[in-house]
Protein backbone atom coordinates (compact mmCIF):
# COMPACT_ATOMS: atom_id res chain seq x y z
CA MET A 1 5.90 53.85 57.84
CA SER A 2 4.59 54.69 61.29
CA ILE A 3 7.02 53.78 64.14
CA THR A 4 5.15 52.05 67.13
CA GLN A 5 5.99 52.59 70.75
CA GLU A 6 6.70 48.76 71.00
CA THR A 7 9.31 49.17 68.09
CA GLU A 8 11.09 51.93 69.91
CA ILE A 9 11.20 49.93 73.27
CA ALA A 10 12.45 46.70 71.32
CA PHE A 11 15.26 48.96 69.56
CA LEU A 12 16.03 50.41 73.08
CA LEU A 13 16.22 47.16 74.78
CA GLU A 14 18.40 45.67 71.85
CA LEU A 15 20.83 48.74 72.17
CA HIS A 16 20.76 48.07 75.90
CA ARG A 17 21.66 44.58 75.64
CA ALA A 18 24.32 45.16 72.87
CA THR A 19 26.15 47.68 74.71
CA GLU A 20 25.60 45.97 78.17
CA GLY A 21 24.21 49.19 79.51
CA ASN A 22 27.70 50.94 79.02
CA PRO A 23 27.38 54.45 77.62
CA ASN A 24 30.91 54.28 76.22
CA VAL A 25 29.99 51.62 73.85
CA GLN A 26 29.02 52.30 70.22
CA LYS A 27 26.95 50.06 68.18
CA SER A 28 25.67 50.31 64.64
CA MET A 29 22.09 51.57 64.62
CA PHE A 30 21.61 49.25 61.46
CA GLU A 31 22.76 46.15 63.20
CA THR A 32 20.72 46.91 66.35
CA GLY A 33 17.64 47.26 64.04
CA ALA A 34 18.46 44.10 61.95
CA ALA A 35 18.69 42.19 65.43
CA ILE A 36 14.99 42.97 66.02
CA GLY A 37 13.83 42.44 62.34
CA LEU A 38 13.97 46.10 61.03
CA ALA A 39 15.32 46.90 57.66
CA LYS A 40 18.08 49.51 57.32
CA GLU A 41 15.68 52.38 56.62
CA GLN A 42 13.42 51.45 59.44
CA ALA A 43 16.23 51.14 61.80
CA GLY A 44 17.37 54.62 60.91
CA LYS A 45 14.14 56.13 61.61
CA VAL A 46 13.57 54.33 64.89
CA ALA A 47 17.13 55.42 65.94
CA GLU A 48 16.23 59.02 65.03
CA GLU A 49 13.18 58.54 67.44
CA LEU A 50 15.34 57.24 70.21
CA ILE A 51 17.96 60.14 69.65
CA GLY A 52 15.05 62.50 69.83
CA ARG A 53 13.88 61.16 73.22
CA GLY A 54 17.45 61.45 74.57
CA TRP A 55 17.83 57.83 74.83
CA ALA A 56 20.58 57.41 72.25
CA GLU A 57 23.24 59.63 70.77
CA VAL A 58 25.09 59.71 67.49
CA ARG A 59 28.56 58.73 67.60
CA THR A 60 29.67 58.58 63.81
CA LEU A 61 28.07 59.91 60.65
CA SER A 62 28.02 56.25 59.13
CA GLY A 63 25.37 55.03 61.85
CA GLY A 64 27.27 54.69 65.12
CA ILE A 65 25.19 55.26 68.29
CA GLY A 66 25.52 54.84 71.86
CA ILE A 67 23.00 54.59 74.67
CA THR A 68 22.63 57.48 77.02
CA ALA A 69 22.04 57.62 80.88
CA ASP A 70 18.35 58.37 80.17
CA GLY A 71 18.32 55.41 77.81
CA ILE A 72 19.70 53.08 80.21
CA GLU A 73 17.19 54.25 82.83
CA ALA A 74 14.35 53.78 80.30
CA ALA A 75 15.71 50.34 79.19
CA VAL A 76 15.81 49.18 82.79
CA GLN A 77 12.23 50.56 83.30
CA HIS A 78 11.12 48.48 80.40
CA GLY A 79 12.63 45.16 81.69
CA GLY A 80 16.34 45.53 80.71
CA SER A 81 18.76 44.29 83.16
CA ALA A 82 20.31 46.84 85.55
CA ALA A 83 23.72 46.50 84.15
CA ARG A 84 25.34 47.17 87.40
CA SER A 85 28.09 45.24 88.99
CA ASP A 86 28.40 45.74 92.63
CA ASP A 87 31.84 44.32 92.55
CA ALA A 88 33.33 46.35 89.96
CA LYS A 89 36.03 48.52 91.24
CA ILE A 90 38.58 51.13 89.87
CA GLY A 91 41.58 49.40 91.12
CA SER A 92 44.79 50.86 92.39
CA ASN A 93 46.94 51.05 89.16
CA PRO A 94 48.25 54.43 88.40
CA PHE A 95 46.08 54.42 85.18
CA LEU A 96 42.64 52.79 84.57
CA ASP A 97 42.57 49.44 82.85
CA ASP A 98 39.68 48.19 80.90
CA GLN A 99 37.83 46.94 84.08
CA GLY A 100 38.31 50.36 85.73
CA ARG A 101 37.04 52.21 82.71
CA GLN A 102 33.88 50.23 82.84
CA ALA A 103 33.53 50.55 86.45
CA VAL A 104 33.69 54.42 86.20
CA ALA A 105 31.25 54.47 83.20
CA GLN A 106 28.75 52.44 85.11
CA ILE A 107 29.08 54.77 88.41
CA LEU A 108 29.13 57.82 86.21
CA THR A 109 25.96 56.84 84.68
CA ALA A 110 24.22 56.26 88.06
CA VAL A 111 25.58 59.55 89.27
CA LYS A 112 24.22 61.45 86.38
CA SER A 113 20.99 60.06 86.88
CA ALA A 114 20.87 60.71 90.61
CA VAL A 115 22.06 64.30 90.14
CA ALA A 116 19.20 64.89 87.59
CA ARG A 117 16.63 63.61 90.35
CA ILE A 118 17.92 65.42 93.66
CA GLU A 119 16.70 68.92 94.75
CA ALA A 120 19.52 70.88 95.75
CA ASP A 121 20.67 74.54 95.46
CA PHE A 122 22.18 75.70 92.38
CA ASP A 123 25.68 76.00 93.72
CA ARG A 124 25.59 72.29 94.77
CA ILE A 125 24.28 71.24 91.57
CA GLU A 126 27.00 73.22 89.71
CA GLU A 127 29.46 71.79 91.88
CA MET A 128 28.36 68.25 90.94
CA VAL A 129 28.06 68.67 87.13
CA ILE A 130 31.67 70.19 87.05
CA ASP A 131 32.90 67.26 89.00
CA ILE A 132 30.93 64.95 86.51
CA LYS A 133 32.58 66.99 83.65
CA THR A 134 36.00 66.57 85.16
CA ILE A 135 35.55 62.89 84.97
CA ASP A 136 34.22 63.00 81.48
CA VAL A 137 37.32 64.88 80.41
CA GLN A 138 39.80 62.60 82.40
CA MET A 139 37.95 59.54 80.65
CA LEU A 140 38.93 60.95 77.15
CA SER A 141 42.67 60.61 77.91
CA PRO A 142 44.24 57.46 76.56
CA ARG A 143 45.67 56.69 79.93
CA PRO A 144 42.89 58.18 82.62
CA LYS A 145 44.61 58.82 86.11
CA THR A 146 43.10 56.53 88.67
CA ALA A 147 44.09 59.00 91.60
CA VAL A 148 42.36 61.82 89.82
CA ILE A 149 39.21 59.89 89.08
CA LYS A 150 39.08 58.53 92.83
CA ALA A 151 39.61 62.29 94.23
CA VAL A 152 36.70 63.42 92.11
CA LEU A 153 34.43 60.48 92.94
CA ARG A 154 35.17 60.97 96.58
CA ALA A 155 34.12 64.61 96.25
CA LEU A 156 31.04 63.57 94.50
CA GLN A 157 30.26 60.97 97.23
CA ASN A 158 30.27 63.66 99.86
CA THR A 159 28.38 66.02 98.05
CA LEU A 160 25.78 63.52 96.94
CA SER A 161 25.42 62.08 100.43
CA LYS A 162 24.87 65.72 101.87
CA SER A 163 22.16 66.11 99.17
CA GLY A 164 20.25 63.10 100.37
CA ALA A 165 21.30 60.83 97.69
CA ARG A 166 23.02 58.32 100.12
CA GLU A 167 22.47 55.19 98.13
CA ILE A 168 24.66 56.47 95.04
CA GLY A 169 27.24 57.81 97.66
CA ASP A 170 27.46 54.16 99.09
CA ARG A 171 27.93 52.78 95.55
CA ILE A 172 30.62 55.33 94.80
CA GLY A 173 32.23 54.11 98.08
CA LYS A 174 32.33 50.43 96.97
CA VAL A 175 33.70 51.51 93.35
CA ILE A 176 36.75 53.42 94.91
CA ALA A 177 37.57 51.21 97.78
């Protein structure tokens, strides 16, 4: 079976829709494929192609996959909705709730995409990558600390703004307000 680019895009758009553009959500590659009319074997092959392109990543050995930041960007370029909520805020509770987790996931996806596009010296890029990893690690906690996330996002906001990515800096400001 030959996989067409149209099939890959359709699968990507369905994964984007099913996950609501949230890189923390996991979906079955087989259910995603079935939603666009693919048999189980075909869905697996298309998912492998998307994983190879960096648009999806394996989450479980039983077929769980998630969309990546690059996948979200590609989906939006192919007509998927920009799953961005300008009014999503982290909140002020000591620990992130579900809405806060989703807000962090959305802004972090945008930050990763912005960092990949900016031109800055190595030390500045390294600083931003370490800040991103700090948030990633904090999000692994069953109770991510709001103050830690906000402090690191403030630092990222400052660094990104100085690096010419003012738009994402402004979005971070709205999320942590």
